[in-house]
C-alpha cells in the first residue's frame, strides 16, 4: 500500500499558515478533503510520527544503532548511526541517509530497510535528523539560498556529520555516499553539487535538483510543475569544484507531491557535463507481483554506469520497494535501497594525493 502526502493545494494552505513545507499522509480517494478531515489527518500524522520516533530497531544481531550529536559553527544536529556487527577492521563504506518531511531516523530506517542491507554488506549508515526548531515539519530546507552555498547552513552540518563519522569510525574515504527522499532527496542532490570532494555517488528519490527554488513560492512551483530548466546550470558548481558525482534517481510517475519531471531534471543536472560521452541503455521491467518500471543507464560499454534513472510506473510519493513499517513507502515497487546500494558500491571517489 502506498502512503501518500496531501495535495499541493492543501500543502499551499499549510505553508501559508505555518511557513513551512509539509508532507502528510492521505489516501488517493480523498484528493480534496474537507478542512476538518485535513486537520484530523495532520493530527494523526503527528501522533504517528511521534510513535515512529519511539520505535526501536531490533539489534538482536549485535549491530548498533545509536543517537549522537554533532555541532559546528552552523549549529547542531542529532543523527543516528548504524554500525554493522560483521565488519572489517578498516575501510568501511558509509551511506548518509536524509529523511523526508514528517519522518525520523528510526522511521526512515524502518521504511527503507537500509540497515538490513548495510549489515549484509558491511556498511555504516548515518541518518541526520532535522529538528522541529529548524522546520516545524522536519523538512530539510533545500529551497533556502543559505542552504545552496558550500560551507553554509544545513549542507555544512550534513557534511560535518559525514566527516565526524569518518573520523570516529573506520571509513574508506573513497566510498562515502549520500541519499534522500523528497526534501531529503533535494538535499542529497544539493550535497552532490556542493561537496563533490566528499561523496563518491548520490541517490535521489522523489526529490528535486539543486537550486530548483529560492524560497517557498518557487518551491511550490517546482514541486507542482517541475524545476525550471535553468536549474541545470547548478551543475556548474560541481564542475568548478572538480567532478560530476555519479547519480542514481528514483521517481514514481504518479507522484502528486513532487512532479515526476523533477527526476528528469535531477538526472539532466548531474549528467550535463558528460552526456555527449555516454551511451544510454534502456530496459523495461516488472517487480514480481508488483509494479512495472523503466530503467535507463548511462555509461561506457565495460565500466559500471555512472548515471542511472528508474521511473516506477503507477507509484506515488513513496520509497520504492520499502517496508510498510515506515512511512511514505511503496512495497510493490522495485527495491530502491538495494538498487542504490549496488550502484554506490560500484563507485569509488578518486582521491588526489594529500586527500
Protein backbone atom coordinates (compact mmCIF):
# COMPACT_ATOMS: atom_id res chain seq x y z
CA UNK A 1 0.00 0.00 0.00
CA UNK A 2 1.37 3.43 -0.99
CA UNK A 3 1.22 6.07 1.73
CA UNK A 4 0.54 9.42 0.11
CA UNK A 5 1.06 13.03 1.04
CA UNK A 6 -1.57 15.76 0.76
CA UNK A 7 -2.36 17.55 -2.48
CA UNK A 8 -0.34 20.59 -3.44
CA UNK A 9 -3.37 22.77 -2.78
CA UNK A 10 -3.53 21.54 0.79
CA UNK A 11 0.25 21.96 1.09
CA UNK A 12 -0.05 25.57 -0.06
CA UNK A 13 -2.63 26.29 2.63
CA UNK A 14 -0.37 24.69 5.21
CA UNK A 15 2.60 26.72 4.02
CA UNK A 16 0.61 29.94 4.18
CA UNK A 17 -0.43 29.08 7.73
CA UNK A 18 2.89 27.84 9.08
CA UNK A 19 5.55 29.00 6.64
CA UNK A 20 6.99 25.56 6.06
CA UNK A 21 6.70 22.64 3.66
CA UNK A 22 4.78 19.59 4.84
CA UNK A 23 4.22 16.01 3.79
CA UNK A 24 1.22 14.32 5.44
CA UNK A 25 -0.43 11.05 4.66
CA UNK A 26 -3.85 10.97 2.95
CA UNK A 27 -5.50 8.42 0.74
CA UNK A 28 -5.83 8.66 -3.04
CA UNK A 29 -9.61 8.74 -2.66
CA UNK A 30 -9.52 11.95 -0.58
CA UNK A 31 -7.75 14.24 -3.05
CA UNK A 32 -9.75 17.30 -1.87
CA UNK A 33 -10.88 16.55 1.70
CA UNK A 34 -12.85 18.98 3.83
CA UNK A 35 -10.86 21.19 6.16
CA UNK A 36 -11.83 19.17 9.24
CA UNK A 37 -10.56 15.97 7.58
CA UNK A 38 -7.26 17.67 6.79
CA UNK A 39 -6.94 18.85 10.39
CA UNK A 40 -7.66 15.37 11.72
CA UNK A 41 -5.20 13.83 9.27
CA UNK A 42 -2.50 16.26 10.31
CA UNK A 43 -3.07 15.48 13.99
CA UNK A 44 -2.98 11.75 13.34
CA UNK A 45 0.19 12.14 11.29
CA UNK A 46 1.88 13.97 14.16
CA UNK A 47 0.86 11.19 16.54
CA UNK A 48 2.03 8.55 14.07
CA UNK A 49 5.39 10.21 13.58
CA UNK A 50 5.85 10.53 17.34
CA UNK A 51 5.18 6.81 17.63
CA UNK A 52 7.63 6.22 14.79
CA UNK A 53 10.31 8.08 16.71
CA UNK A 54 9.75 5.83 19.70
CA UNK A 55 10.03 2.67 17.60
CA UNK A 56 13.35 0.94 18.12
CA UNK A 57 15.21 -1.07 15.52
CA UNK A 58 15.95 -4.64 16.58
CA UNK A 59 19.60 -5.20 17.41
CA UNK A 60 19.39 -8.89 18.19
CA UNK A 61 22.23 -9.46 15.73
CA UNK A 62 24.60 -7.38 17.82
CA UNK A 63 24.74 -4.41 15.46
CA UNK A 64 24.44 -0.90 16.86
CA UNK A 65 22.00 1.94 16.08
CA UNK A 66 22.64 4.86 18.39
CA UNK A 67 21.76 8.56 18.55
CA UNK A 68 24.67 11.01 18.50
CA UNK A 69 25.09 14.79 18.44
CA UNK A 70 27.18 16.96 16.11
CA UNK A 71 27.95 20.67 16.47
CA UNK A 72 29.76 23.20 14.33
CA UNK A 73 29.52 26.92 13.59
CA UNK A 74 26.30 26.37 11.63
CA UNK A 75 24.52 24.87 14.63
CA UNK A 76 23.83 21.37 15.93
CA UNK A 77 22.08 18.25 14.65
CA UNK A 78 21.43 14.84 16.12
CA UNK A 79 21.99 11.80 13.96
CA UNK A 80 21.63 8.06 14.32
CA UNK A 81 24.50 5.82 13.29
CA UNK A 82 24.12 2.19 12.28
CA UNK A 83 27.26 0.12 12.78
CA UNK A 84 27.12 -3.43 11.36
CA UNK A 85 28.15 -6.32 13.55
CA UNK A 86 30.21 -8.04 10.85
CA UNK A 87 32.81 -5.51 9.75
CA UNK A 88 36.48 -5.46 8.83
CA UNK A 89 38.97 -3.53 10.93
CA UNK A 90 39.27 -0.78 8.34
CA UNK A 91 37.81 0.66 5.19
CA UNK A 92 34.01 0.51 5.61
CA UNK A 93 31.72 2.31 3.15
CA UNK A 94 29.45 4.99 4.63
CA UNK A 95 25.96 5.94 3.41
CA UNK A 96 24.35 9.16 4.68
CA UNK A 97 20.53 8.92 4.53
CA UNK A 98 18.42 12.12 4.56
CA UNK A 99 14.79 11.60 5.57
CA UNK A 100 11.75 13.34 4.14
CA UNK A 101 9.30 15.69 5.85
CA UNK A 102 7.47 14.23 8.82
CA UNK A 103 9.97 11.41 9.21
CA UNK A 104 12.53 10.49 11.85
CA UNK A 105 15.76 8.49 11.52
CA UNK A 106 14.04 5.42 13.01
CA UNK A 107 11.07 5.76 10.68
CA UNK A 108 13.26 6.25 7.61
CA UNK A 109 15.48 3.33 8.54
CA UNK A 110 12.45 1.09 9.02
CA UNK A 111 10.84 2.13 5.73
CA UNK A 112 13.94 1.81 3.57
CA UNK A 113 15.34 -1.26 5.37
CA UNK A 114 18.77 0.17 4.63
CA UNK A 115 20.20 -1.12 7.91
CA UNK A 116 19.40 -4.70 6.98
CA UNK A 117 21.25 -4.31 3.68
CA UNK A 118 24.08 -2.49 5.45
CA UNK A 119 24.52 -5.43 7.80
CA UNK A 120 24.71 -7.82 4.83
CA UNK A 121 27.34 -5.74 3.05
CA UNK A 122 29.31 -4.33 6.00
CA UNK A 123 28.28 -0.69 5.53
CA UNK A 124 27.91 2.16 8.03
CA UNK A 125 24.73 4.25 7.73
CA UNK A 126 24.22 7.73 9.23
CA UNK A 127 20.78 9.34 9.50
CA UNK A 128 20.94 13.09 10.23
CA UNK A 129 17.78 14.39 11.90
CA UNK A 130 16.09 17.67 11.01
CA UNK A 131 14.58 19.10 14.24
CA UNK A 132 11.30 20.98 14.55
CA UNK A 133 13.30 24.03 15.61
CA UNK A 134 14.70 24.23 12.06
CA UNK A 135 11.47 23.31 10.28
CA UNK A 136 8.19 22.62 12.06
CA UNK A 137 7.50 19.59 9.87
CA UNK A 138 11.02 18.21 9.95
CA UNK A 139 11.78 19.10 6.31
CA UNK A 140 15.28 19.85 5.10
CA UNK A 141 15.20 23.46 3.87
CA UNK A 142 16.62 22.75 0.41
CA UNK A 143 14.92 25.83 -1.09
CA UNK A 144 16.65 28.46 1.06
CA UNK A 145 19.56 30.35 -0.56
CA UNK A 146 21.76 29.93 2.52
CA UNK A 147 21.47 26.17 2.02
CA UNK A 148 22.73 26.39 -1.54
CA UNK A 149 26.28 27.52 -0.73
CA UNK A 150 29.34 25.49 0.18
CA UNK A 151 30.24 25.86 3.85
CA UNK A 152 26.85 27.32 4.81
CA UNK A 153 23.68 26.21 6.55
CA UNK A 154 22.29 22.70 6.62
CA UNK A 155 24.62 21.28 3.94
CA UNK A 156 27.60 22.27 6.10
CA UNK A 157 26.01 20.46 9.04
CA UNK A 158 25.42 17.31 6.97
CA UNK A 159 28.96 17.44 5.61
CA UNK A 160 30.19 17.92 9.19
CA UNK A 161 28.28 14.85 10.36
CA UNK A 162 29.74 12.89 7.45
CA UNK A 163 33.29 13.89 8.40
CA UNK A 164 32.64 13.23 12.09
CA UNK A 165 31.62 9.64 11.31
CA UNK A 166 34.66 9.28 9.06
CA UNK A 167 36.89 10.34 11.96
CA UNK A 168 35.23 8.16 14.59
CA UNK A 169 34.81 5.01 12.51
CA UNK A 170 36.98 3.01 10.12
CA UNK A 171 35.60 4.60 6.96
CA UNK A 172 37.08 4.30 3.50
CA UNK A 173 37.14 7.96 2.35
CA UNK A 174 36.79 6.85 -1.25
CA UNK A 175 33.44 5.15 -0.54
CA UNK A 176 31.18 7.72 1.09
CA UNK A 177 27.68 8.20 -0.33
CA UNK A 178 24.55 10.27 0.29
CA UNK A 179 20.88 9.57 -0.49
CA UNK A 180 17.50 11.01 0.44
CA UNK A 181 13.74 11.05 -0.06
CA UNK A 182 11.64 14.05 -1.09
CA UNK A 183 13.05 17.10 0.76
CA UNK A 184 15.91 14.79 1.77
CA UNK A 185 16.35 13.85 -1.89
CA UNK A 186 16.58 17.51 -2.85
CA UNK A 187 19.17 17.99 -0.12
CA UNK A 188 21.11 14.93 -1.31
CA UNK A 189 21.27 16.49 -4.79
CA UNK A 190 22.50 19.68 -3.13
CA UNK A 191 25.24 17.80 -1.27
CA UNK A 192 26.47 16.27 -4.55
CA UNK A 193 26.84 19.71 -6.13
CA UNK A 194 28.35 21.47 -3.11
CA UNK A 195 30.58 18.65 -1.80
CA UNK A 196 31.73 16.51 -4.75
CA UNK A 197 35.08 16.13 -2.97
CA UNK A 198 33.30 14.25 -0.17
CA UNK A 199 30.77 11.92 -1.83
CA UNK A 200 31.51 9.17 -4.34
CA UNK A 201 27.87 8.88 -5.51
CA UNK A 202 24.39 10.18 -4.71
CA UNK A 203 20.88 8.71 -4.68
CA UNK A 204 17.84 10.98 -5.15
CA UNK A 205 14.38 9.52 -4.55
CA UNK A 206 11.32 11.66 -5.36
CA UNK A 207 13.44 14.79 -4.98
CA UNK A 208 14.36 17.95 -6.87
CA UNK A 209 17.56 19.25 -8.48
CA UNK A 210 19.99 21.60 -6.83
CA UNK A 211 18.78 25.23 -6.63
CA UNK A 212 15.35 24.34 -8.01
CA UNK A 213 13.88 27.12 -5.85
CA UNK A 214 14.94 30.13 -3.81
CA UNK A 215 12.01 30.36 -1.42
CA UNK A 216 8.65 28.82 -0.54
CA UNK A 217 6.75 30.27 -3.52
CA UNK A 218 9.24 28.99 -6.08
CA UNK A 219 9.46 25.70 -4.15
CA UNK A 220 5.70 25.16 -4.57
CA UNK A 221 6.02 25.92 -8.28
CA UNK A 222 8.92 23.48 -8.73
CA UNK A 223 7.10 20.75 -6.82
CA UNK A 224 3.90 21.29 -8.80
CA UNK A 225 5.27 21.73 -12.34
CA UNK A 226 8.87 20.59 -12.19
CA UNK A 227 12.07 22.57 -11.70
CA UNK A 228 12.90 25.21 -14.33
CA UNK A 229 15.40 24.19 -16.98
CA UNK A 230 17.74 26.88 -15.71
CA UNK A 231 18.28 24.76 -12.60
CA UNK A 232 20.52 22.51 -14.67
CA UNK A 233 23.03 25.34 -14.61
CA UNK A 234 23.67 24.32 -10.99
CA UNK A 235 25.94 21.59 -12.31
CA UNK A 236 28.48 24.33 -12.98
CA UNK A 237 29.08 24.41 -9.24
CA UNK A 238 30.09 20.76 -9.23
CA UNK A 239 32.20 21.11 -12.34
CA UNK A 240 34.01 24.08 -10.86
CA UNK A 241 34.85 22.01 -7.79
CA UNK A 242 36.30 19.20 -9.87
CA UNK A 243 33.82 16.46 -10.83
CA UNK A 244 30.26 15.43 -11.57
CA UNK A 245 29.09 12.93 -8.96
CA UNK A 246 27.65 9.58 -10.19
CA UNK A 247 23.91 9.71 -9.58
CA UNK A 248 21.02 7.25 -9.29
CA UNK A 249 17.47 8.64 -9.46
CA UNK A 250 14.16 7.03 -8.46
CA UNK A 251 10.76 8.66 -9.03
CA UNK A 252 7.18 7.42 -9.33
CA UNK A 253 5.39 8.65 -12.44
CA UNK A 254 2.17 9.05 -10.41
CA UNK A 255 3.77 11.34 -7.81
CA UNK A 256 1.27 14.09 -6.98
CA UNK A 257 3.53 15.85 -4.46
CA UNK A 258 6.83 16.29 -6.32
CA UNK A 259 6.28 16.38 -10.07
CA UNK A 260 7.98 13.42 -11.83
CA UNK A 261 9.70 15.87 -14.18
CA UNK A 262 11.94 16.76 -11.27
CA UNK A 263 13.52 13.33 -11.51
CA UNK A 264 14.39 14.07 -15.13
CA UNK A 265 15.90 17.38 -14.08
CA UNK A 266 18.00 15.79 -11.34
CA UNK A 267 19.48 13.46 -13.93
CA UNK A 268 19.93 16.24 -16.51
CA UNK A 269 21.75 18.36 -13.95
CA UNK A 270 24.04 15.52 -12.93
CA UNK A 271 24.86 14.33 -16.42
CA UNK A 272 25.14 17.71 -18.17
CA UNK A 273 28.92 17.78 -18.49
CA UNK A 274 29.18 14.17 -19.73
CA UNK A 275 26.05 13.48 -21.77
CA UNK A 276 27.82 13.52 -25.15
CA UNK A 277 30.36 10.91 -23.99
CA UNK A 278 27.93 8.40 -22.50
CA UNK A 279 25.79 5.74 -24.16
CA UNK A 280 22.26 5.18 -22.83
CA UNK A 281 20.75 1.74 -22.27
CA UNK A 282 17.02 1.50 -21.60
CA UNK A 283 15.22 -1.53 -20.22
CA UNK A 284 11.67 -2.24 -19.13
CA UNK A 285 10.99 -4.48 -16.16
CA UNK A 286 8.42 -5.61 -13.63
CA UNK A 287 8.75 -6.27 -9.94
CA UNK A 288 7.47 -9.74 -9.14
CA UNK A 289 3.82 -9.30 -8.23
CA UNK A 290 4.23 -5.55 -8.30
CA UNK A 291 4.86 -2.51 -10.47
CA UNK A 292 6.48 -2.09 -13.85
CA UNK A 293 9.40 0.28 -14.29
CA UNK A 294 11.74 1.84 -16.85
CA UNK A 295 15.45 1.86 -16.09
CA UNK A 296 17.95 3.96 -18.06
CA UNK A 297 21.68 3.59 -17.53
CA UNK A 298 24.37 5.92 -18.85
CA UNK A 299 27.95 4.73 -19.14
CA UNK A 300 30.62 3.10 -21.23
CA UNK A 301 30.48 -0.37 -22.71
CA UNK A 302 32.52 -2.02 -19.96
CA UNK A 303 32.61 0.23 -16.88
CA UNK A 304 29.66 0.39 -14.42
CA UNK A 305 27.07 3.05 -15.37
CA UNK A 306 27.86 6.49 -13.99
CA UNK A 307 24.24 7.60 -14.01
CA UNK A 308 21.03 5.63 -13.60
CA UNK A 309 17.34 6.56 -13.64
CA UNK A 310 14.39 4.46 -12.51
CA UNK A 311 10.82 5.55 -13.34
CA UNK A 312 8.37 3.44 -11.33
CA UNK A 313 5.06 3.27 -13.17
CA UNK A 314 1.96 3.89 -11.08
CA UNK A 315 3.90 4.73 -7.94
CA UNK A 316 3.27 7.90 -5.97
CA UNK A 317 5.35 9.88 -3.49
CA UNK A 318 6.92 6.90 -1.76
CA UNK A 319 10.18 4.98 -1.35
CA UNK A 320 10.03 2.22 -3.95
CA UNK A 321 10.18 -1.31 -2.56
CA UNK A 322 10.15 -0.04 1.00
CA UNK A 323 8.58 -1.63 4.05
CA UNK A 324 5.13 -0.75 5.39
CA UNK A 325 6.85 -0.50 8.79
CA UNK A 326 7.91 3.01 7.75
CA UNK A 327 6.07 5.98 6.24
CA UNK A 328 5.95 7.00 2.57
CA UNK A 329 6.76 3.58 1.16
CA UNK A 330 5.54 1.55 -1.82
CA UNK A 331 6.25 -2.14 -1.16
CA UNK A 332 5.08 -3.04 -4.68
CA UNK A 333 7.89 -1.19 -6.42
CA UNK A 334 11.43 -2.35 -7.23
CA UNK A 335 13.74 -2.17 -4.23
CA UNK A 336 15.30 1.31 -4.32
CA UNK A 337 17.52 0.61 -1.30
CA UNK A 338 19.03 -2.45 -2.91
CA UNK A 339 19.49 -0.69 -6.26
CA UNK A 340 21.09 2.36 -4.66
CA UNK A 341 23.50 0.37 -2.51
CA UNK A 342 24.50 -1.75 -5.51
CA UNK A 343 25.10 1.43 -7.52
CA UNK A 344 27.03 3.06 -4.68
CA UNK A 345 29.39 0.17 -4.12
CA UNK A 346 30.45 0.15 -7.77
CA UNK A 347 31.72 3.74 -7.45
CA UNK A 348 34.89 4.82 -5.71
CA UNK A 349 35.76 8.50 -5.40
CA UNK A 350 39.11 9.36 -6.91
CA UNK A 351 41.42 10.68 -4.18
CA UNK A 352 44.18 13.09 -5.11
CA UNK A 353 47.50 12.90 -3.31
CA UNK A 354 47.16 14.62 0.03
CA UNK A 355 43.39 13.94 0.35
